[in-house]
N, C-alpha and C. Protein backbone atom coordinates (compact mmCIF):
# COMPACT_ATOMS: atom_id res chain seq x y z
N UNK A 1 -66.55 43.39 44.48
CA UNK A 1 -66.36 44.95 44.63
C UNK A 1 -65.34 45.63 45.28
N UNK A 2 -64.65 46.41 46.33
CA UNK A 2 -64.17 46.74 47.16
C UNK A 2 -64.95 47.69 47.74
N UNK A 3 -64.28 48.23 48.98
CA UNK A 3 -64.86 49.15 49.39
C UNK A 3 -64.95 50.76 48.62
N UNK A 4 -65.73 51.80 48.36
CA UNK A 4 -65.04 52.45 48.05
C UNK A 4 -63.92 53.65 48.12
N UNK A 5 -64.08 54.15 46.96
CA UNK A 5 -62.15 55.10 46.90
C UNK A 5 -62.78 56.43 46.37
N UNK A 6 -62.42 57.61 46.34
CA UNK A 6 -62.19 58.35 46.02
C UNK A 6 -61.02 59.44 45.67
N UNK A 7 -61.02 59.66 43.76
CA UNK A 7 -59.30 59.57 43.93
C UNK A 7 -59.48 61.26 44.29
N UNK A 8 -58.28 61.37 44.67
CA UNK A 8 -58.28 62.64 45.18
C UNK A 8 -57.36 63.70 44.15
N UNK A 9 -57.09 62.92 43.50
CA UNK A 9 -56.69 64.55 42.70
C UNK A 9 -57.11 63.76 40.92
N UNK A 10 -56.77 64.79 40.12
CA UNK A 10 -57.29 64.65 38.76
C UNK A 10 -55.87 63.29 38.15
N UNK A 11 -56.73 62.50 37.53
CA UNK A 11 -56.07 61.21 36.64
C UNK A 11 -56.60 61.01 35.62
N UNK A 12 -55.96 60.25 34.71
CA UNK A 12 -55.62 60.38 33.12
C UNK A 12 -55.21 59.35 32.57
N UNK A 13 -56.56 58.49 32.64
CA UNK A 13 -56.35 56.74 32.29
C UNK A 13 -56.92 56.81 30.42
N UNK A 14 -56.07 56.63 29.85
CA UNK A 14 -56.90 55.51 28.55
C UNK A 14 -57.49 57.13 27.79
N UNK A 15 -56.53 57.61 28.33
CA UNK A 15 -56.77 59.50 27.33
C UNK A 15 -58.44 60.29 28.60
N UNK A 16 -58.93 59.34 28.94
CA UNK A 16 -60.12 60.06 29.48
C UNK A 16 -60.00 60.59 30.94
N UNK A 17 -59.89 61.58 31.39
CA UNK A 17 -59.80 62.70 32.84
C UNK A 17 -61.06 62.06 33.65
N UNK A 18 -59.74 61.22 35.00
CA UNK A 18 -61.17 61.17 36.01
C UNK A 18 -60.72 61.69 37.23
N UNK A 19 -61.77 63.36 37.51
CA UNK A 19 -61.65 64.03 38.01
C UNK A 19 -61.71 63.92 39.47
N UNK A 20 -60.97 65.07 40.07
CA UNK A 20 -61.15 64.40 41.96
C UNK A 20 -61.71 64.45 42.39
N UNK A 21 -62.04 63.98 43.68
CA UNK A 21 -63.80 63.43 44.24
C UNK A 21 -64.35 62.70 43.67
N UNK A 22 -63.96 62.10 42.75
CA UNK A 22 -64.50 60.91 42.10
C UNK A 22 -64.64 59.90 43.31
N UNK A 23 -65.81 59.01 43.29
CA UNK A 23 -66.07 57.64 44.13
C UNK A 23 -65.49 57.05 43.30
N UNK A 24 -65.00 55.46 42.98
CA UNK A 24 -64.83 54.70 42.75
C UNK A 24 -64.81 52.87 43.57
N UNK A 25 -65.55 52.05 42.63
CA UNK A 25 -64.80 50.96 43.62
C UNK A 25 -64.00 50.27 42.44
N UNK A 26 -63.24 49.30 43.22
CA UNK A 26 -62.66 48.38 42.18
C UNK A 26 -63.00 46.98 41.62
N UNK A 27 -63.40 46.31 40.69
CA UNK A 27 -63.95 45.19 40.93
C UNK A 27 -62.89 43.81 41.14
N UNK A 28 -62.29 43.86 42.35
CA UNK A 28 -61.91 42.32 43.08
C UNK A 28 -61.89 41.54 42.35
N UNK A 29 -62.68 41.09 41.38
CA UNK A 29 -62.87 39.43 41.01
C UNK A 29 -62.46 40.16 39.89
N UNK A 30 -63.14 40.46 39.13
CA UNK A 30 -62.60 40.77 37.47
C UNK A 30 -61.01 40.39 38.00
N UNK A 31 -60.41 41.44 38.63
CA UNK A 31 -58.92 41.53 39.00
C UNK A 31 -57.98 40.31 39.72
N UNK A 32 -59.09 39.79 40.21
CA UNK A 32 -58.50 37.97 40.28
C UNK A 32 -58.55 37.23 38.65
N UNK A 33 -58.96 37.80 38.80
CA UNK A 33 -59.25 36.51 37.02
C UNK A 33 -59.01 37.08 35.47
N UNK A 34 -57.99 38.00 35.94
CA UNK A 34 -57.91 39.36 34.84
C UNK A 34 -56.73 37.65 34.06
N UNK A 35 -57.18 37.40 33.21
CA UNK A 35 -56.14 36.25 32.06
C UNK A 35 -54.94 37.38 31.71
N UNK A 36 -54.84 38.55 31.75
CA UNK A 36 -53.41 39.60 31.56
C UNK A 36 -52.72 38.72 32.83
N UNK A 37 -53.13 38.62 34.07
CA UNK A 37 -52.22 38.79 35.45
C UNK A 37 -52.21 37.77 35.74
N UNK A 38 -53.33 36.71 35.07
CA UNK A 38 -52.50 35.56 35.35
C UNK A 38 -53.58 34.95 34.43
N UNK A 39 -51.91 33.33 34.03
CA UNK A 39 -52.23 32.26 33.70
C UNK A 39 -53.38 31.59 33.60
N UNK A 40 -54.54 31.43 33.25
CA UNK A 40 -55.17 30.62 33.39
C UNK A 40 -56.48 30.49 34.27
N UNK A 41 -56.65 31.60 34.69
CA UNK A 41 -57.48 32.28 35.48
C UNK A 41 -58.51 31.23 35.89
N UNK A 42 -59.37 30.17 35.26
CA UNK A 42 -60.14 30.47 35.65
C UNK A 42 -60.12 28.52 36.04
N UNK A 43 -58.88 28.15 36.26
CA UNK A 43 -58.50 27.07 36.82
C UNK A 43 -58.02 26.97 37.94
N UNK A 44 -57.88 26.01 38.59
CA UNK A 44 -57.95 26.13 40.11
C UNK A 44 -56.60 25.66 40.31
N UNK A 45 -55.40 26.25 40.18
CA UNK A 45 -54.23 25.94 40.61
C UNK A 45 -53.68 26.67 41.38
N UNK A 46 -53.87 26.90 43.07
CA UNK A 46 -52.93 26.82 43.71
C UNK A 46 -51.59 27.03 43.75
N UNK A 47 -50.95 26.67 42.97
CA UNK A 47 -49.30 26.93 42.98
C UNK A 47 -49.53 28.14 42.35
N UNK A 48 -49.83 28.40 41.60
CA UNK A 48 -49.68 29.48 41.21
C UNK A 48 -49.61 30.76 42.16
N UNK A 49 -49.66 30.95 43.48
CA UNK A 49 -48.93 31.91 44.23
C UNK A 49 -47.15 31.15 44.93
N UNK A 50 -46.94 29.99 44.65
CA UNK A 50 -45.78 29.89 45.27
C UNK A 50 -44.86 30.42 44.48
N UNK A 51 -44.75 31.02 43.32
CA UNK A 51 -43.47 31.58 42.61
C UNK A 51 -42.93 33.55 42.73
N UNK A 52 -43.94 33.79 43.62
CA UNK A 52 -44.21 35.45 42.70
C UNK A 52 -42.66 36.04 43.53
N UNK A 53 -42.66 36.81 43.18
CA UNK A 53 -41.15 37.44 43.32
C UNK A 53 -41.75 38.42 44.66
N UNK A 54 -39.85 38.12 44.87
CA UNK A 54 -40.00 39.12 46.95
C UNK A 54 -40.39 40.11 46.33
N UNK A 55 -41.04 40.92 47.17
CA UNK A 55 -41.36 42.38 47.74
C UNK A 55 -43.22 42.04 46.62
N UNK A 56 -43.18 42.05 46.21
CA UNK A 56 -44.67 41.36 45.04
C UNK A 56 -45.74 41.53 46.27
N UNK A 57 -46.02 40.62 46.76
CA UNK A 57 -47.15 40.59 47.99
C UNK A 57 -48.01 39.76 47.50
N UNK A 58 -48.56 39.60 48.02
CA UNK A 58 -49.99 38.41 47.75
C UNK A 58 -50.17 38.98 46.02
N UNK A 59 -50.76 37.77 45.73
CA UNK A 59 -51.54 38.96 43.98
C UNK A 59 -53.04 38.15 44.21
N UNK A 60 -53.51 39.05 45.02
CA UNK A 60 -55.19 38.39 45.60
C UNK A 60 -55.76 39.66 45.66
N UNK A 61 -57.31 39.91 45.43
CA UNK A 61 -57.16 41.20 46.07
C UNK A 61 -58.23 41.00 46.18
N UNK A 62 -59.49 40.31 47.42
CA UNK A 62 -59.68 40.37 47.93
C UNK A 62 -59.99 41.06 49.56
N UNK A 63 -58.98 41.68 49.67
CA UNK A 63 -58.72 42.14 50.19
C UNK A 63 -58.27 44.16 50.41
N UNK A 64 -58.45 43.82 48.62
CA UNK A 64 -58.27 45.42 48.69
C UNK A 64 -56.82 45.34 47.56
N UNK A 65 -56.18 46.12 47.57
CA UNK A 65 -55.46 46.84 46.91
C UNK A 65 -54.67 48.40 47.37
N UNK A 66 -53.05 47.83 47.39
CA UNK A 66 -52.71 49.47 48.28
C UNK A 66 -53.07 49.31 48.73
N UNK A 67 -52.54 51.54 48.98
CA UNK A 67 -52.31 51.85 50.59
C UNK A 67 -53.88 51.50 51.42
N UNK A 68 -55.20 51.33 50.91
CA UNK A 68 -56.25 50.86 51.22
C UNK A 68 -56.28 50.07 51.81
N UNK A 69 -55.41 48.98 50.89
CA UNK A 69 -55.50 47.26 51.81
C UNK A 69 -56.21 47.61 53.26
N UNK A 70 -56.62 46.06 53.10
CA UNK A 70 -57.53 45.59 54.70
C UNK A 70 -55.86 44.93 55.13
N UNK A 71 -55.85 46.07 56.80
CA UNK A 71 -55.08 45.79 57.14
C UNK A 71 -54.82 44.62 58.48
N UNK A 72 -55.93 43.64 57.91
CA UNK A 72 -56.44 42.94 58.40
C UNK A 72 -55.38 41.27 58.10
N UNK A 73 -55.40 41.30 57.03
CA UNK A 73 -54.90 40.54 55.96
C UNK A 73 -53.99 39.48 56.37
N UNK A 74 -53.09 39.79 56.79
CA UNK A 74 -51.78 39.02 57.37
C UNK A 74 -52.45 38.59 57.74
N UNK A 75 -52.93 38.68 59.28
CA UNK A 75 -53.89 37.57 60.35
C UNK A 75 -54.99 37.09 59.98
N UNK A 76 -55.46 37.47 58.89
CA UNK A 76 -56.99 36.48 58.48
C UNK A 76 -56.71 35.83 57.54
N UNK A 77 -54.83 35.75 57.06
CA UNK A 77 -54.12 34.85 55.89
C UNK A 77 -54.10 33.17 57.42
N UNK A 78 -53.15 33.76 57.68
CA UNK A 78 -52.26 33.46 59.22
C UNK A 78 -53.57 32.55 59.90
N UNK A 79 -54.51 32.94 60.41
CA UNK A 79 -55.34 32.21 60.93
C UNK A 79 -56.16 30.94 60.13
N UNK A 80 -56.83 31.39 58.76
CA UNK A 80 -57.31 31.02 57.83
C UNK A 80 -55.91 29.36 57.62
N UNK A 81 -54.77 29.69 57.30
CA UNK A 81 -53.60 28.91 57.54
C UNK A 81 -53.62 27.84 58.59
N UNK A 82 -53.45 28.74 59.68
CA UNK A 82 -53.99 27.19 60.66
C UNK A 82 -55.13 26.44 60.82
N UNK A 83 -56.11 27.35 61.07
CA UNK A 83 -57.46 26.77 60.86
C UNK A 83 -57.64 25.37 59.55
N UNK A 84 -57.26 25.73 58.58
CA UNK A 84 -57.61 24.48 57.69
C UNK A 84 -56.60 23.49 57.32
N UNK A 85 -54.88 23.80 57.85
CA UNK A 85 -54.23 22.91 58.28
C UNK A 85 -54.98 22.29 59.53
N UNK A 86 -54.87 22.40 60.33
CA UNK A 86 -55.56 21.71 61.56
C UNK A 86 -56.79 20.87 61.41
N UNK A 87 -58.13 21.36 60.14
CA UNK A 87 -58.85 20.60 59.71
C UNK A 87 -58.21 19.61 58.81
N UNK A 88 -57.16 19.73 58.24
CA UNK A 88 -56.63 18.62 57.50
C UNK A 88 -55.73 17.75 58.05
N UNK A 89 -55.01 17.66 59.16
CA UNK A 89 -55.11 16.78 60.15
C UNK A 89 -56.17 15.98 60.89
N UNK A 90 -56.82 16.38 61.02
CA UNK A 90 -57.79 16.18 62.29
C UNK A 90 -58.60 15.04 61.18
N UNK A 91 -59.48 15.60 60.20
CA UNK A 91 -60.53 14.97 59.42
C UNK A 91 -60.35 15.09 58.10
N UNK A 92 -60.69 13.59 57.77
CA UNK A 92 -60.81 13.16 55.65
C UNK A 92 -62.55 14.30 55.63
N UNK A 93 -61.76 14.70 54.84
CA UNK A 93 -62.71 16.01 53.73
C UNK A 93 -63.91 14.81 52.88
N UNK A 94 -65.35 14.61 52.95
CA UNK A 94 -65.48 13.92 52.03
C UNK A 94 -66.81 15.27 51.26
N UNK A 95 -66.88 14.39 49.38
CA UNK A 95 -67.97 15.14 49.52
C UNK A 95 -69.27 15.03 50.20
N UNK A 96 -70.15 15.60 49.73
CA UNK A 96 -72.03 14.62 50.09
C UNK A 96 -72.39 13.81 48.91
N UNK A 97 -73.32 12.90 49.75
CA UNK A 97 -73.82 11.67 49.49
C UNK A 97 -74.54 12.16 47.96
N UNK A 98 -75.65 12.95 48.48
CA UNK A 98 -76.80 13.54 47.63
C UNK A 98 -75.73 14.78 46.51
N UNK A 99 -75.88 14.04 45.44
CA UNK A 99 -74.23 15.55 44.91
C UNK A 99 -75.68 16.56 43.85
N UNK A 100 -76.66 16.83 44.78
CA UNK A 100 -77.51 17.81 44.28
C UNK A 100 -77.40 18.55 45.97
N UNK A 101 -76.51 18.42 46.66
CA UNK A 101 -76.57 19.38 48.03
C UNK A 101 -74.88 19.66 47.58
N UNK A 102 -73.47 19.33 46.59
CA UNK A 102 -72.62 19.65 46.32
C UNK A 102 -72.42 21.11 45.91
N UNK A 103 -70.93 21.79 46.48
CA UNK A 103 -71.57 23.38 46.10
C UNK A 103 -70.60 23.37 44.88
N UNK A 104 -71.54 24.82 44.02
CA UNK A 104 -71.64 25.13 43.11
C UNK A 104 -70.49 25.69 42.00
N UNK A 105 -69.52 25.61 41.90
CA UNK A 105 -68.23 26.40 41.48
C UNK A 105 -68.17 26.43 40.08
N UNK A 106 -68.89 26.95 39.56
CA UNK A 106 -69.15 27.06 37.85
C UNK A 106 -68.66 28.77 37.85
N UNK A 107 -68.75 29.93 38.96
CA UNK A 107 -68.92 30.55 38.77
C UNK A 107 -68.98 31.80 39.73
N UNK A 108 -68.62 33.14 40.01
CA UNK A 108 -68.95 34.06 40.64
C UNK A 108 -71.19 34.50 41.01
N UNK A 109 -71.52 34.10 39.91
CA UNK A 109 -73.60 34.97 39.96
C UNK A 109 -73.36 33.37 40.34
N UNK A 110 -73.91 32.20 39.40
CA UNK A 110 -73.63 31.24 39.93
C UNK A 110 -73.68 30.23 41.24
N UNK A 111 -72.40 30.80 41.94
CA UNK A 111 -72.05 30.13 43.75
C UNK A 111 -72.76 31.53 44.35
N UNK A 112 -73.30 32.38 43.66
CA UNK A 112 -73.49 33.66 44.87
C UNK A 112 -74.84 33.85 45.56
N UNK A 113 -74.60 33.61 46.73
CA UNK A 113 -76.08 33.54 47.75
C UNK A 113 -76.62 34.61 47.25
N UNK A 114 -75.94 35.31 47.72
CA UNK A 114 -76.10 37.03 47.69
C UNK A 114 -75.68 38.55 46.59
N UNK A 115 -76.51 37.60 45.17
CA UNK A 115 -76.07 38.37 43.65
C UNK A 115 -75.84 39.93 44.46
N UNK A 116 -76.39 40.56 45.41
CA UNK A 116 -76.10 42.14 45.45
C UNK A 116 -75.49 42.21 46.03
N UNK A 117 -74.83 41.07 47.60
CA UNK A 117 -74.30 42.17 48.41
C UNK A 117 -72.95 42.26 47.69
N UNK A 118 -72.08 43.00 48.73
CA UNK A 118 -70.26 43.93 48.39
C UNK A 118 -69.88 42.66 47.87
N UNK A 119 -69.78 41.25 48.09
CA UNK A 119 -68.79 40.49 47.99
C UNK A 119 -69.37 39.41 47.67
N UNK A 120 -68.74 38.75 47.14
CA UNK A 120 -69.55 36.82 47.01
C UNK A 120 -69.48 35.99 48.67
N UNK A 121 -70.79 35.45 48.05
CA UNK A 121 -71.49 34.27 50.25
C UNK A 121 -72.03 33.39 48.86
N UNK A 122 -70.81 32.19 49.36
CA UNK A 122 -71.52 31.42 48.65
C UNK A 122 -72.90 30.66 49.43
N UNK A 123 -73.55 30.43 48.27
CA UNK A 123 -74.52 29.30 48.40
C UNK A 123 -73.92 27.96 49.37
N UNK A 124 -74.84 27.31 50.41
CA UNK A 124 -75.19 26.56 51.64
C UNK A 124 -74.59 25.66 50.51
N UNK A 125 -73.69 24.48 50.94
CA UNK A 125 -73.93 23.13 50.74
C UNK A 125 -73.16 22.26 51.29
N UNK A 126 -72.92 20.91 51.93
CA UNK A 126 -73.23 20.25 52.48
C UNK A 126 -71.44 19.44 52.15
N UNK A 127 -70.95 18.75 53.07
CA UNK A 127 -69.28 18.08 52.93
C UNK A 127 -69.50 16.53 53.36
N UNK A 128 -68.62 16.49 54.62
CA UNK A 128 -68.89 15.23 55.18
C UNK A 128 -67.51 15.60 55.84
N UNK A 129 -67.44 14.47 57.02
CA UNK A 129 -66.00 15.29 57.32
C UNK A 129 -65.58 12.90 58.88
N UNK A 130 -64.72 13.07 58.81
CA UNK A 130 -64.61 11.51 58.83
C UNK A 130 -63.21 11.34 59.28
N UNK A 131 -63.06 11.47 60.86
CA UNK A 131 -62.06 11.49 61.53
C UNK A 131 -61.11 10.54 61.76
N UNK A 132 -60.16 11.20 60.67
CA UNK A 132 -58.58 10.48 60.85
C UNK A 132 -57.62 10.33 61.86
N UNK A 133 -57.65 10.53 63.26
CA UNK A 133 -56.54 10.59 63.91
C UNK A 133 -57.73 10.89 65.66
N UNK A 134 -58.31 10.10 66.34
CA UNK A 134 -59.25 10.51 67.24
C UNK A 134 -58.03 11.21 68.35
N UNK A 135 -56.92 10.30 69.32
CA UNK A 135 -56.22 10.67 69.86
C UNK A 135 -55.97 12.07 69.50
N UNK A 136 -55.93 12.55 68.53
CA UNK A 136 -55.05 14.46 68.25
C UNK A 136 -56.51 14.90 68.42
N UNK A 137 -57.33 14.56 67.93
CA UNK A 137 -58.50 15.03 68.58
C UNK A 137 -59.11 15.01 69.63
N UNK A 138 -59.05 14.14 70.13
CA UNK A 138 -59.05 14.70 72.27
C UNK A 138 -58.10 15.47 72.42
N UNK A 139 -57.44 15.56 71.70
CA UNK A 139 -55.84 16.22 72.68
C UNK A 139 -56.40 17.43 72.54
N UNK A 140 -56.33 18.04 70.73
CA UNK A 140 -56.73 19.43 70.39
C UNK A 140 -57.37 20.35 71.48
N UNK A 141 -59.02 19.32 71.80
CA UNK A 141 -60.27 19.55 72.93
C UNK A 141 -59.52 19.83 73.89
N UNK A 142 -59.07 18.51 74.40
CA UNK A 142 -58.34 19.21 76.19
C UNK A 142 -57.70 20.75 76.32
N UNK A 143 -56.78 20.40 75.49
CA UNK A 143 -56.42 21.51 75.34
C UNK A 143 -56.60 22.90 75.54
N UNK A 144 -57.69 22.94 74.35
CA UNK A 144 -58.68 24.07 74.32
C UNK A 144 -58.97 24.83 75.64
N UNK A 145 -60.23 23.18 75.32
CA UNK A 145 -60.73 23.52 77.23
C UNK A 145 -59.70 23.83 78.24
N UNK A 146 -58.54 23.62 77.96
CA UNK A 146 -57.30 23.95 79.38
C UNK A 146 -56.87 25.44 79.46
N UNK A 147 -56.85 26.21 77.83
CA UNK A 147 -56.83 27.28 77.70
C UNK A 147 -57.92 28.30 77.56
N UNK A 148 -58.68 27.89 77.99
CA UNK A 148 -59.80 28.84 77.65
C UNK A 148 -60.76 28.90 79.01
N UNK A 149 -60.76 28.19 79.80
CA UNK A 149 -61.58 27.58 80.79
C UNK A 149 -62.16 28.60 81.76
N UNK A 150 -60.84 29.93 81.73
CA UNK A 150 -61.22 31.42 81.84
C UNK A 150 -61.75 31.93 81.67
N UNK A 151 -62.16 31.49 80.34
CA UNK A 151 -63.32 32.50 79.40
C UNK A 151 -64.81 32.09 80.17
N UNK A 152 -65.20 33.33 80.97
CA UNK A 152 -66.64 33.06 80.50
C UNK A 152 -67.98 32.27 79.49
N UNK A 153 -69.01 31.54 79.95
CA UNK A 153 -69.31 31.33 78.24
C UNK A 153 -70.87 31.68 78.80
């Protein structure tokens, strides 16, 4: 769910009038899995985001939509990109040896550790990491130590 919004004027939607001052929430999960908006929304298909027409922006609603959309979404996307690329360069990601410890990916209710929360919180799961390039990883740690040594710990 999105954070609450309040309508600023009367809105007519599908023949019903929503009066000004009405509090409502956008169901972001339902929007992300709308088959009218996404072809086969239940399938893992990251390439669906590659051919978005210019000016439409990211068609993903975890950060909200419209004028009240989270202003930090672009920063979050860039930070996630850097983090995931670095992780994939440095490590081979492996499934947990014990199949009962693997993530649950069947749906938002089954995988949610906090079903009464405002957003989905994945249940704990285990994965393995195997270092791909020890020299590269060592260099990154050294660079981090150099650039953060002025910060008190």
